Amino acid sequence: MAEVRRKIEIAVKNWCFTLNNYTDDEYKAIREYDCGYLIVGEEKGEEQGTPHLQGYVQMHKKVRLTSMKRIFNARAHYSTAKGTARDNYVYCTKEGRFFEKGVAQVVGHIKKCDIVTACKDMSAGMSNEDLLEKHGAGFVLHKRKISEMSADLKGDAIKKRRMEKCAELVLRPWQSEVLKKLEEQNDRQILFVMDPVGGNGKTT
């Protein structure tokens, strides 16, 4: 009797996948799936222009291929991830349209990322590809924090330029008071200023 060998499926946490001719519902389900990290690029084939999703997902626990087809997407083609989180991020975002969520878990040696320098580089307009090249896998690991800090740096720079410009002006006492109140309040507050006397507007 011939020996029957069953293919053994290996359970892994990190998967790459390709989904051709995806529907809006399929894409929505993938974006909403509860996982540790997900990066999905929206691409078109070079020869026939076939729309497809190119993705990399880190599951919460190790999963076999049959389970991926059952719980993630039944039509997608899967392969166990070979490269690093950085490699897969670069590959999935190469065409510029992508969706990302979660925090990537980086296995093995991680190139140290100077978060402060990375924030300044991002604020200066450096592309994600250049940031990855300069700061390595550490950028993927801390990307959310770097993005938040970069936004704060931009806001501080705008505020500094505004203050420098105001410093050149000779303000009236009430204008100085208004400026001080604006500096003290948060971005969600609105300061309404009204002349108690009246008759000083441009329509008088």
N, C-alpha and C. Protein backbone atom coordinates (compact mmCIF):
# COMPACT_ATOMS: atom_id res chain seq x y z
N MET A 1 0.86 -1.20 0.00
CA MET A 1 0.00 0.00 0.00
C MET A 1 0.90 1.25 0.00
N ALA A 2 0.55 2.16 -0.88
CA ALA A 2 1.34 3.39 -0.97
C ALA A 2 1.19 4.21 0.30
N GLU A 3 2.29 4.80 0.70
CA GLU A 3 2.27 5.61 1.92
C GLU A 3 1.67 6.98 1.61
N VAL A 4 0.73 7.40 2.40
CA VAL A 4 0.08 8.70 2.22
C VAL A 4 0.70 9.70 3.20
N ARG A 5 1.24 10.75 2.64
CA ARG A 5 1.86 11.78 3.47
C ARG A 5 0.99 13.03 3.48
N ARG A 6 0.72 13.49 4.66
CA ARG A 6 -0.07 14.71 4.80
C ARG A 6 0.87 15.90 4.96
N LYS A 7 0.53 16.95 4.27
CA LYS A 7 1.33 18.16 4.37
C LYS A 7 1.08 18.81 5.73
N ILE A 8 2.15 19.07 6.43
CA ILE A 8 2.03 19.67 7.76
C ILE A 8 2.00 21.19 7.63
N GLU A 9 0.97 21.80 8.18
CA GLU A 9 0.86 23.25 8.16
C GLU A 9 1.55 23.83 9.38
N ILE A 10 2.36 24.81 9.14
CA ILE A 10 3.08 25.47 10.23
C ILE A 10 2.31 26.71 10.66
N ALA A 11 2.13 26.86 11.95
CA ALA A 11 1.44 28.03 12.48
C ALA A 11 2.45 29.16 12.70
N VAL A 12 2.15 30.33 12.16
CA VAL A 12 3.02 31.50 12.32
C VAL A 12 2.16 32.73 12.64
N LYS A 13 2.80 33.77 13.13
CA LYS A 13 2.09 35.01 13.47
C LYS A 13 2.08 36.01 12.32
N ASN A 14 3.14 36.01 11.52
CA ASN A 14 3.29 37.04 10.49
C ASN A 14 3.02 36.46 9.10
N TRP A 15 2.05 37.07 8.40
CA TRP A 15 1.64 36.58 7.08
C TRP A 15 1.68 37.70 6.05
N CYS A 16 2.04 37.33 4.82
CA CYS A 16 1.88 38.22 3.67
C CYS A 16 0.69 37.70 2.86
N PHE A 17 -0.03 38.59 2.23
CA PHE A 17 -1.19 38.14 1.44
C PHE A 17 -1.42 39.04 0.23
N THR A 18 -2.03 38.45 -0.78
CA THR A 18 -2.42 39.18 -1.99
C THR A 18 -3.87 38.83 -2.29
N LEU A 19 -4.69 39.84 -2.53
CA LEU A 19 -6.11 39.62 -2.83
C LEU A 19 -6.46 40.35 -4.11
N ASN A 20 -6.68 39.59 -5.19
CA ASN A 20 -7.01 40.17 -6.50
C ASN A 20 -8.49 40.52 -6.60
N ASN A 21 -8.77 41.58 -7.36
CA ASN A 21 -10.15 42.00 -7.64
C ASN A 21 -10.99 42.04 -6.36
N TYR A 22 -10.46 42.69 -5.37
CA TYR A 22 -11.14 42.76 -4.08
C TYR A 22 -12.38 43.65 -4.14
N THR A 23 -13.34 43.35 -3.29
CA THR A 23 -14.56 44.15 -3.20
C THR A 23 -14.41 45.14 -2.05
N ASP A 24 -15.28 46.14 -2.02
CA ASP A 24 -15.26 47.11 -0.92
C ASP A 24 -15.52 46.43 0.42
N ASP A 25 -16.43 45.45 0.41
CA ASP A 25 -16.75 44.74 1.66
C ASP A 25 -15.55 43.93 2.15
N GLU A 26 -14.81 43.31 1.22
CA GLU A 26 -13.63 42.55 1.61
C GLU A 26 -12.56 43.46 2.20
N TYR A 27 -12.35 44.59 1.55
CA TYR A 27 -11.33 45.53 2.04
C TYR A 27 -11.72 46.07 3.41
N LYS A 28 -13.01 46.37 3.59
CA LYS A 28 -13.50 46.88 4.87
C LYS A 28 -13.29 45.84 5.97
N ALA A 29 -13.60 44.58 5.67
CA ALA A 29 -13.45 43.51 6.66
C ALA A 29 -11.99 43.33 7.06
N ILE A 30 -11.09 43.45 6.09
CA ILE A 30 -9.65 43.33 6.37
C ILE A 30 -9.18 44.48 7.25
N ARG A 31 -9.61 45.70 6.93
CA ARG A 31 -9.20 46.87 7.72
C ARG A 31 -9.70 46.78 9.16
N GLU A 32 -10.88 46.18 9.35
CA GLU A 32 -11.49 46.12 10.67
C GLU A 32 -11.09 44.89 11.46
N TYR A 33 -10.34 43.97 10.85
CA TYR A 33 -9.97 42.73 11.55
C TYR A 33 -9.06 43.04 12.75
N ASP A 34 -9.32 42.38 13.86
CA ASP A 34 -8.55 42.60 15.09
C ASP A 34 -7.22 41.86 15.02
N CYS A 35 -6.14 42.61 14.82
CA CYS A 35 -4.81 42.02 14.72
C CYS A 35 -3.80 42.94 15.40
N GLY A 36 -2.57 42.46 15.52
CA GLY A 36 -1.55 43.28 16.17
C GLY A 36 -1.06 44.42 15.30
N TYR A 37 -0.86 44.13 14.01
CA TYR A 37 -0.37 45.14 13.07
C TYR A 37 -0.83 44.76 11.67
N LEU A 38 -1.16 45.79 10.88
CA LEU A 38 -1.62 45.55 9.51
C LEU A 38 -1.16 46.68 8.60
N ILE A 39 -0.57 46.33 7.47
CA ILE A 39 -0.25 47.30 6.42
C ILE A 39 -0.76 46.71 5.11
N VAL A 40 -1.60 47.47 4.41
CA VAL A 40 -2.21 46.99 3.16
C VAL A 40 -2.04 48.04 2.08
N GLY A 41 -1.42 47.65 0.98
CA GLY A 41 -1.26 48.55 -0.15
C GLY A 41 -2.29 48.29 -1.23
N GLU A 42 -2.83 49.37 -1.81
CA GLU A 42 -3.78 49.25 -2.92
C GLU A 42 -2.98 49.36 -4.22
N GLU A 43 -2.96 48.28 -5.00
CA GLU A 43 -2.11 48.25 -6.18
C GLU A 43 -2.87 47.80 -7.43
N LYS A 44 -2.20 47.98 -8.58
CA LYS A 44 -2.71 47.49 -9.86
C LYS A 44 -1.59 46.74 -10.56
N GLY A 45 -1.93 45.60 -11.17
CA GLY A 45 -0.93 44.80 -11.85
C GLY A 45 -0.32 45.54 -13.02
N GLU A 46 0.97 45.31 -13.28
CA GLU A 46 1.66 46.03 -14.34
C GLU A 46 1.18 45.62 -15.73
N GLU A 47 0.89 44.34 -15.94
CA GLU A 47 0.54 43.86 -17.27
C GLU A 47 -0.94 44.07 -17.60
N GLN A 48 -1.83 43.61 -16.75
CA GLN A 48 -3.26 43.69 -17.05
C GLN A 48 -4.00 44.71 -16.20
N GLY A 49 -3.31 45.35 -15.31
CA GLY A 49 -3.94 46.38 -14.49
C GLY A 49 -4.93 45.83 -13.47
N THR A 50 -4.72 44.58 -13.05
CA THR A 50 -5.64 43.97 -12.09
C THR A 50 -5.53 44.63 -10.72
N PRO A 51 -6.64 45.17 -10.21
CA PRO A 51 -6.58 45.78 -8.87
C PRO A 51 -6.41 44.69 -7.81
N HIS A 52 -5.53 44.93 -6.87
CA HIS A 52 -5.31 43.94 -5.82
C HIS A 52 -4.78 44.60 -4.56
N LEU A 53 -4.92 43.89 -3.46
CA LEU A 53 -4.38 44.33 -2.18
C LEU A 53 -3.11 43.54 -1.89
N GLN A 54 -2.07 44.25 -1.51
CA GLN A 54 -0.82 43.60 -1.12
C GLN A 54 -0.60 43.91 0.35
N GLY A 55 -0.67 42.89 1.20
CA GLY A 55 -0.65 43.16 2.63
C GLY A 55 0.31 42.34 3.46
N TYR A 56 0.51 42.83 4.67
CA TYR A 56 1.33 42.16 5.68
C TYR A 56 0.61 42.31 7.00
N VAL A 57 0.38 41.19 7.69
CA VAL A 57 -0.38 41.23 8.93
C VAL A 57 0.35 40.45 10.02
N GLN A 58 0.36 41.03 11.21
CA GLN A 58 0.89 40.34 12.39
C GLN A 58 -0.30 39.98 13.27
N MET A 59 -0.56 38.68 13.40
CA MET A 59 -1.68 38.21 14.21
C MET A 59 -1.32 38.27 15.70
N HIS A 60 -2.34 38.18 16.53
CA HIS A 60 -2.09 38.18 17.97
C HIS A 60 -1.42 36.88 18.43
N LYS A 61 -1.68 35.80 17.72
CA LYS A 61 -1.08 34.51 18.05
C LYS A 61 -0.79 33.74 16.76
N LYS A 62 -0.05 32.66 16.87
CA LYS A 62 0.30 31.86 15.70
C LYS A 62 -0.95 31.22 15.09
N VAL A 63 -1.03 31.27 13.75
CA VAL A 63 -2.21 30.79 13.03
C VAL A 63 -1.77 29.96 11.83
N ARG A 64 -2.48 28.88 11.53
CA ARG A 64 -2.20 28.07 10.35
C ARG A 64 -2.90 28.65 9.13
N LEU A 65 -2.47 28.20 7.95
CA LEU A 65 -3.02 28.69 6.69
C LEU A 65 -4.53 28.47 6.61
N THR A 66 -4.99 27.28 6.98
CA THR A 66 -6.43 27.00 6.92
C THR A 66 -7.22 27.96 7.80
N SER A 67 -6.65 28.32 8.92
CA SER A 67 -7.33 29.26 9.82
C SER A 67 -7.33 30.67 9.24
N MET A 68 -6.24 31.06 8.58
CA MET A 68 -6.19 32.38 7.94
C MET A 68 -7.29 32.51 6.90
N LYS A 69 -7.48 31.47 6.12
CA LYS A 69 -8.53 31.51 5.10
C LYS A 69 -9.92 31.57 5.73
N ARG A 70 -10.04 31.00 6.90
CA ARG A 70 -11.35 30.97 7.56
C ARG A 70 -11.64 32.26 8.31
N ILE A 71 -10.65 32.84 8.99
CA ILE A 71 -10.92 33.98 9.86
C ILE A 71 -10.53 35.33 9.26
N PHE A 72 -9.66 35.33 8.24
CA PHE A 72 -9.17 36.60 7.69
C PHE A 72 -9.81 36.89 6.33
N ASN A 73 -9.50 36.08 5.33
CA ASN A 73 -10.13 36.20 4.01
C ASN A 73 -9.96 34.89 3.27
N ALA A 74 -11.06 34.39 2.73
CA ALA A 74 -11.04 33.06 2.10
C ALA A 74 -10.37 33.06 0.73
N ARG A 75 -10.41 34.19 0.01
CA ARG A 75 -9.92 34.22 -1.37
C ARG A 75 -8.45 34.59 -1.49
N ALA A 76 -7.89 35.20 -0.49
CA ALA A 76 -6.53 35.72 -0.59
C ALA A 76 -5.50 34.61 -0.73
N HIS A 77 -4.40 34.95 -1.41
CA HIS A 77 -3.24 34.04 -1.49
C HIS A 77 -2.29 34.42 -0.37
N TYR A 78 -1.88 33.44 0.43
CA TYR A 78 -1.05 33.70 1.61
C TYR A 78 0.34 33.08 1.48
N SER A 79 1.28 33.70 2.16
CA SER A 79 2.62 33.13 2.33
C SER A 79 3.17 33.62 3.66
N THR A 80 3.97 32.78 4.30
CA THR A 80 4.56 33.22 5.57
C THR A 80 5.54 34.35 5.30
N ALA A 81 5.52 35.36 6.14
CA ALA A 81 6.37 36.53 5.94
C ALA A 81 7.84 36.15 6.09
N LYS A 82 8.65 36.55 5.13
CA LYS A 82 10.08 36.23 5.15
C LYS A 82 10.94 37.39 5.63
N GLY A 83 10.59 38.59 5.22
CA GLY A 83 11.41 39.75 5.57
C GLY A 83 11.03 40.34 6.92
N THR A 84 11.63 41.46 7.24
CA THR A 84 11.33 42.17 8.48
C THR A 84 10.06 43.01 8.30
N ALA A 85 9.57 43.56 9.41
CA ALA A 85 8.42 44.45 9.33
C ALA A 85 8.74 45.65 8.44
N ARG A 86 9.97 46.13 8.52
CA ARG A 86 10.40 47.26 7.68
C ARG A 86 10.34 46.88 6.20
N ASP A 87 10.87 45.69 5.86
CA ASP A 87 10.87 45.24 4.47
C ASP A 87 9.44 45.17 3.92
N ASN A 88 8.54 44.62 4.71
CA ASN A 88 7.16 44.46 4.27
C ASN A 88 6.43 45.80 4.19
N TYR A 89 6.77 46.72 5.09
CA TYR A 89 6.18 48.05 5.03
C TYR A 89 6.56 48.74 3.72
N VAL A 90 7.83 48.68 3.39
CA VAL A 90 8.31 49.30 2.15
C VAL A 90 7.63 48.67 0.94
N TYR A 91 7.53 47.35 0.93
CA TYR A 91 6.96 46.64 -0.22
C TYR A 91 5.47 46.96 -0.39
N CYS A 92 4.73 47.01 0.72
CA CYS A 92 3.29 47.23 0.64
C CYS A 92 2.91 48.69 0.37
N THR A 93 3.83 49.61 0.59
CA THR A 93 3.51 51.03 0.40
C THR A 93 4.16 51.62 -0.85
N LYS A 94 4.70 50.77 -1.70
CA LYS A 94 5.50 51.26 -2.84
C LYS A 94 4.69 52.08 -3.84
N GLU A 95 3.36 51.87 -3.92
CA GLU A 95 2.56 52.62 -4.89
C GLU A 95 1.86 53.83 -4.26
N GLY A 96 2.08 54.04 -2.98
CA GLY A 96 1.63 55.28 -2.35
C GLY A 96 0.26 55.26 -1.71
N ARG A 97 -0.60 54.30 -2.06
CA ARG A 97 -1.94 54.22 -1.47
C ARG A 97 -1.97 53.01 -0.54
N PHE A 98 -2.18 53.25 0.74
CA PHE A 98 -2.14 52.14 1.69
C PHE A 98 -2.92 52.47 2.95
N PHE A 99 -3.19 51.42 3.71
CA PHE A 99 -3.87 51.54 5.00
C PHE A 99 -2.98 50.87 6.04
N GLU A 100 -2.83 51.50 7.20
CA GLU A 100 -1.98 50.95 8.25
C GLU A 100 -2.65 51.11 9.60
N LYS A 101 -2.50 50.11 10.45
CA LYS A 101 -2.99 50.23 11.82
C LYS A 101 -2.16 49.33 12.74
N GLY A 102 -2.19 49.64 14.03
CA GLY A 102 -1.46 48.84 15.00
C GLY A 102 0.01 49.24 15.10
N VAL A 103 0.73 48.51 15.93
CA VAL A 103 2.16 48.74 16.14
C VAL A 103 2.91 47.47 15.77
N ALA A 104 3.85 47.58 14.84
CA ALA A 104 4.58 46.41 14.38
C ALA A 104 5.53 45.90 15.46
N GLN A 105 5.54 44.60 15.66
CA GLN A 105 6.48 43.96 16.57
C GLN A 105 7.69 43.52 15.75
N VAL A 106 8.85 44.04 16.08
CA VAL A 106 10.06 43.77 15.33
C VAL A 106 10.87 42.70 16.04
N VAL A 107 11.17 41.61 15.33
CA VAL A 107 11.90 40.48 15.90
C VAL A 107 13.37 40.59 15.51
N GLY A 108 14.26 40.24 16.44
CA GLY A 108 15.69 40.24 16.14
C GLY A 108 16.32 41.60 16.40
N HIS A 109 17.45 41.83 15.76
CA HIS A 109 18.20 43.07 15.97
C HIS A 109 17.45 44.25 15.36
N ILE A 110 17.29 45.30 16.13
CA ILE A 110 16.60 46.50 15.68
C ILE A 110 17.59 47.66 15.61
N LYS A 111 17.69 48.26 14.46
CA LYS A 111 18.54 49.43 14.34
C LYS A 111 17.99 50.53 15.23
N LYS A 112 18.83 51.07 16.08
CA LYS A 112 18.39 52.08 17.03
C LYS A 112 17.85 53.30 16.29
N CYS A 113 16.69 53.76 16.74
CA CYS A 113 16.06 54.91 16.10
C CYS A 113 16.13 56.10 17.04
N ASP A 114 16.76 57.17 16.59
CA ASP A 114 16.78 58.41 17.35
C ASP A 114 15.45 59.11 17.10
N ILE A 115 14.52 58.98 18.05
CA ILE A 115 13.16 59.46 17.85
C ILE A 115 13.13 60.97 17.62
N VAL A 116 13.93 61.71 18.36
CA VAL A 116 13.94 63.17 18.21
C VAL A 116 14.38 63.56 16.80
N THR A 117 15.47 62.94 16.32
CA THR A 117 15.95 63.23 14.96
C THR A 117 14.92 62.81 13.92
N ALA A 118 14.28 61.66 14.14
CA ALA A 118 13.26 61.18 13.20
C ALA A 118 12.08 62.15 13.15
N CYS A 119 11.70 62.70 14.30
CA CYS A 119 10.61 63.69 14.34
C CYS A 119 10.97 64.93 13.53
N LYS A 120 12.20 65.39 13.70
CA LYS A 120 12.65 66.58 12.97
C LYS A 120 12.69 66.29 11.47
N ASP A 121 13.14 65.09 11.10
CA ASP A 121 13.20 64.72 9.68
C ASP A 121 11.80 64.68 9.08
N MET A 122 10.84 64.10 9.83
CA MET A 122 9.47 64.03 9.33
C MET A 122 8.87 65.42 9.21
N SER A 123 9.13 66.28 10.19
CA SER A 123 8.62 67.65 10.17
C SER A 123 9.18 68.43 8.99
N ALA A 124 10.41 68.07 8.59
CA ALA A 124 11.07 68.75 7.47
C ALA A 124 10.57 68.24 6.12
N GLY A 125 9.69 67.22 6.14
CA GLY A 125 9.11 66.73 4.89
C GLY A 125 9.76 65.49 4.32
N MET A 126 10.61 64.80 5.09
CA MET A 126 11.26 63.59 4.59
C MET A 126 10.21 62.50 4.34
N SER A 127 10.33 61.78 3.24
CA SER A 127 9.37 60.73 2.88
C SER A 127 9.52 59.52 3.79
N ASN A 128 8.47 58.68 3.84
CA ASN A 128 8.52 57.47 4.65
C ASN A 128 9.66 56.56 4.21
N GLU A 129 9.88 56.48 2.91
CA GLU A 129 10.94 55.62 2.39
C GLU A 129 12.31 56.09 2.88
N ASP A 130 12.54 57.40 2.84
CA ASP A 130 13.82 57.94 3.31
C ASP A 130 13.96 57.81 4.82
N LEU A 131 12.84 57.97 5.53
CA LEU A 131 12.87 57.79 6.99
C LEU A 131 13.23 56.36 7.36
N LEU A 132 12.67 55.40 6.62
CA LEU A 132 12.98 53.99 6.86
C LEU A 132 14.44 53.69 6.56
N GLU A 133 14.94 54.28 5.48
CA GLU A 133 16.33 54.05 5.09
C GLU A 133 17.29 54.61 6.14
N LYS A 134 16.94 55.76 6.69
CA LYS A 134 17.83 56.41 7.65
C LYS A 134 17.71 55.83 9.06
N HIS A 135 16.48 55.52 9.48
CA HIS A 135 16.26 55.14 10.87
C HIS A 135 15.95 53.65 11.07
N GLY A 136 15.79 52.91 9.98
CA GLY A 136 15.65 51.46 10.09
C GLY A 136 14.34 50.99 10.69
N ALA A 137 14.36 49.72 11.16
CA ALA A 137 13.14 49.08 11.68
C ALA A 137 12.61 49.81 12.91
N GLY A 138 13.47 50.51 13.62
CA GLY A 138 13.02 51.28 14.77
C GLY A 138 11.98 52.32 14.40
N PHE A 139 12.06 52.82 13.17
CA PHE A 139 11.07 53.80 12.70
C PHE A 139 9.70 53.15 12.61
N VAL A 140 9.63 51.92 12.10
CA VAL A 140 8.36 51.20 12.01
C VAL A 140 7.79 50.98 13.40
N LEU A 141 8.65 50.61 14.34
CA LEU A 141 8.22 50.32 15.70
C LEU A 141 7.66 51.56 16.40
N HIS A 142 8.25 52.73 16.13
CA HIS A 142 7.86 53.96 16.83
C HIS A 142 7.14 54.95 15.92
N LYS A 143 6.63 54.49 14.78
CA LYS A 143 6.09 55.40 13.77
C LYS A 143 4.95 56.28 14.32
N ARG A 144 4.05 55.68 15.09
CA ARG A 144 2.92 56.46 15.61
C ARG A 144 3.40 57.57 16.54
N LYS A 145 4.31 57.24 17.44
CA LYS A 145 4.84 58.23 18.37
C LYS A 145 5.58 59.33 17.62
N ILE A 146 6.36 58.94 16.60
CA ILE A 146 7.11 59.91 15.82
C ILE A 146 6.16 60.85 15.08
N SER A 147 5.08 60.31 14.52
CA SER A 147 4.10 61.13 13.79
C SER A 147 3.44 62.14 14.72
N GLU A 148 3.08 61.69 15.92
CA GLU A 148 2.44 62.59 16.88
C GLU A 148 3.39 63.70 17.32
N MET A 149 4.64 63.34 17.59
CA MET A 149 5.62 64.33 18.01
C MET A 149 5.95 65.29 16.88
N SER A 150 5.97 64.78 15.65
CA SER A 150 6.25 65.63 14.49
C SER A 150 5.16 66.69 14.33
N ALA A 151 3.90 66.27 14.53
CA ALA A 151 2.79 67.22 14.45
C ALA A 151 2.92 68.30 15.52
N ASP A 152 3.34 67.90 16.72
CA ASP A 152 3.55 68.87 17.80
C ASP A 152 4.68 69.85 17.46
N LEU A 153 5.75 69.32 16.86
CA LEU A 153 6.87 70.18 16.47
C LEU A 153 6.45 71.21 15.43
N LYS A 154 5.63 70.77 14.46
CA LYS A 154 5.14 71.70 13.45
C LYS A 154 4.30 72.80 14.09
N GLY A 155 3.44 72.39 15.04
CA GLY A 155 2.61 73.37 15.73
C GLY A 155 3.44 74.36 16.53
N ASP A 156 4.48 73.86 17.19
CA ASP A 156 5.36 74.75 17.96
C ASP A 156 6.10 75.72 17.05
N ALA A 157 6.51 75.23 15.87
CA ALA A 157 7.23 76.09 14.92
C ALA A 157 6.34 77.21 14.41
N ILE A 158 5.08 76.88 14.14
CA ILE A 158 4.12 77.89 13.68
C ILE A 158 3.90 78.93 14.78
N LYS A 159 3.75 78.45 16.01
CA LYS A 159 3.53 79.35 17.14
C LYS A 159 4.75 80.26 17.34
N LYS A 160 5.95 79.71 17.19
CA LYS A 160 7.16 80.49 17.37
C LYS A 160 7.26 81.60 16.32
N ARG A 161 6.95 81.25 15.06
CA ARG A 161 6.99 82.27 13.99
C ARG A 161 5.96 83.36 14.24
N ARG A 162 4.80 82.95 14.74
CA ARG A 162 3.75 83.92 15.03
C ARG A 162 4.18 84.87 16.14
N MET A 163 4.83 84.30 17.17
CA MET A 163 5.29 85.13 18.29
C MET A 163 6.41 86.07 17.86
N GLU A 164 7.30 85.59 17.00
CA GLU A 164 8.38 86.45 16.52
C GLU A 164 7.83 87.61 15.71
N LYS A 165 6.80 87.33 14.93
CA LYS A 165 6.19 88.39 14.13
C LYS A 165 5.47 89.39 15.03
N CYS A 166 4.80 88.88 16.06
CA CYS A 166 4.09 89.76 16.98
C CYS A 166 5.06 90.62 17.79
N ALA A 167 6.25 90.06 18.05
CA ALA A 167 7.24 90.80 18.85
C ALA A 167 7.71 92.06 18.13
N GLU A 168 7.59 92.07 16.81
CA GLU A 168 8.02 93.23 16.03
C GLU A 168 6.97 94.34 16.05
N LEU A 169 5.77 94.01 16.50
CA LEU A 169 4.68 94.98 16.50
C LEU A 169 4.57 95.68 17.85
N VAL A 170 4.05 96.90 17.83
CA VAL A 170 3.75 97.63 19.06
C VAL A 170 2.28 97.44 19.35
N LEU A 171 1.99 96.63 20.36
CA LEU A 171 0.60 96.28 20.67
C LEU A 171 -0.01 97.24 21.68
N ARG A 172 -1.30 97.46 21.53
CA ARG A 172 -2.03 98.22 22.53
C ARG A 172 -2.25 97.32 23.75
N PRO A 173 -2.53 97.90 24.90
CA PRO A 173 -2.71 97.09 26.12
C PRO A 173 -3.73 95.98 25.96
N TRP A 174 -4.88 96.27 25.33
CA TRP A 174 -5.91 95.25 25.19
C TRP A 174 -5.46 94.13 24.24
N GLN A 175 -4.63 94.50 23.24
CA GLN A 175 -4.12 93.50 22.31
C GLN A 175 -3.14 92.56 23.01
N SER A 176 -2.32 93.12 23.88
CA SER A 176 -1.38 92.29 24.65
C SER A 176 -2.13 91.32 25.56
N GLU A 177 -3.24 91.82 26.14
CA GLU A 177 -4.04 90.97 27.03
C GLU A 177 -4.68 89.82 26.25
N VAL A 178 -5.19 90.13 25.06
CA VAL A 178 -5.80 89.10 24.21
C VAL A 178 -4.77 88.06 23.81
N LEU A 179 -3.58 88.53 23.42
CA LEU A 179 -2.51 87.61 23.01
C LEU A 179 -2.12 86.68 24.15
N LYS A 180 -2.06 87.21 25.36
CA LYS A 180 -1.71 86.39 26.52
C LYS A 180 -2.76 85.31 26.77
N LYS A 181 -4.04 85.69 26.64
CA LYS A 181 -5.12 84.72 26.84
C LYS A 181 -5.09 83.63 25.78
N LEU A 182 -4.76 84.00 24.55
CA LEU A 182 -4.69 83.02 23.47
C LEU A 182 -3.58 82.00 23.72
N GLU A 183 -2.47 82.47 24.29
CA GLU A 183 -1.35 81.58 24.58
C GLU A 183 -1.71 80.58 25.68
N GLU A 184 -2.56 81.00 26.60
CA GLU A 184 -2.89 80.16 27.76
C GLU A 184 -3.98 79.13 27.46
N GLN A 185 -4.86 79.40 26.49
CA GLN A 185 -5.97 78.48 26.23
C GLN A 185 -5.55 77.36 25.28
N ASN A 186 -6.34 76.28 25.27
CA ASN A 186 -6.03 75.16 24.38
C ASN A 186 -6.64 75.37 23.00
N ASP A 187 -6.35 74.43 22.08
CA ASP A 187 -6.75 74.58 20.68
C ASP A 187 -8.26 74.44 20.47
N ARG A 188 -8.98 73.90 21.45
CA ARG A 188 -10.42 73.69 21.30
C ARG A 188 -11.24 74.83 21.88
N GLN A 189 -10.58 75.81 22.47
CA GLN A 189 -11.28 76.96 23.04
C GLN A 189 -11.34 78.11 22.03
N ILE A 190 -12.38 78.91 22.16
CA ILE A 190 -12.55 80.09 21.29
C ILE A 190 -12.60 81.33 22.18
N LEU A 191 -11.81 82.31 21.84
CA LEU A 191 -11.78 83.56 22.60
C LEU A 191 -12.57 84.62 21.83
N PHE A 192 -13.65 85.11 22.44
CA PHE A 192 -14.49 86.14 21.81
C PHE A 192 -14.19 87.47 22.48
N VAL A 193 -13.79 88.46 21.70
CA VAL A 193 -13.41 89.77 22.23
C VAL A 193 -14.43 90.81 21.78
N MET A 194 -14.93 91.58 22.75
CA MET A 194 -15.93 92.61 22.43
C MET A 194 -15.54 93.91 23.12
N ASP A 195 -15.66 95.00 22.39
CA ASP A 195 -15.37 96.32 22.95
C ASP A 195 -16.52 96.73 23.87
N PRO A 196 -16.26 96.96 25.15
CA PRO A 196 -17.36 97.32 26.06
C PRO A 196 -17.96 98.70 25.78
N VAL A 197 -17.19 99.56 25.10
CA VAL A 197 -17.68 100.91 24.82
C VAL A 197 -18.39 100.97 23.48
N GLY A 198 -17.78 100.42 22.46
CA GLY A 198 -18.35 100.45 21.12
C GLY A 198 -17.96 101.71 20.38
N GLY A 199 -18.37 101.79 19.12
CA GLY A 199 -18.09 102.98 18.33
C GLY A 199 -16.69 103.03 17.77
N ASN A 200 -15.92 101.92 17.90
CA ASN A 200 -14.54 101.92 17.42
C ASN A 200 -14.34 101.02 16.21
N GLY A 201 -15.42 100.48 15.66
CA GLY A 201 -15.30 99.56 14.53
C GLY A 201 -15.08 100.29 13.22
N LYS A 202 -14.83 99.51 12.17
CA LYS A 202 -14.54 100.12 10.87
C LYS A 202 -15.78 100.72 10.22
N THR A 203 -16.98 100.37 10.73
CA THR A 203 -18.20 100.88 10.10
C THR A 203 -18.61 102.22 10.67
N THR A 204 -17.91 102.71 11.71
CA THR A 204 -18.30 103.98 12.32
C THR A 204 -17.68 105.14 11.57
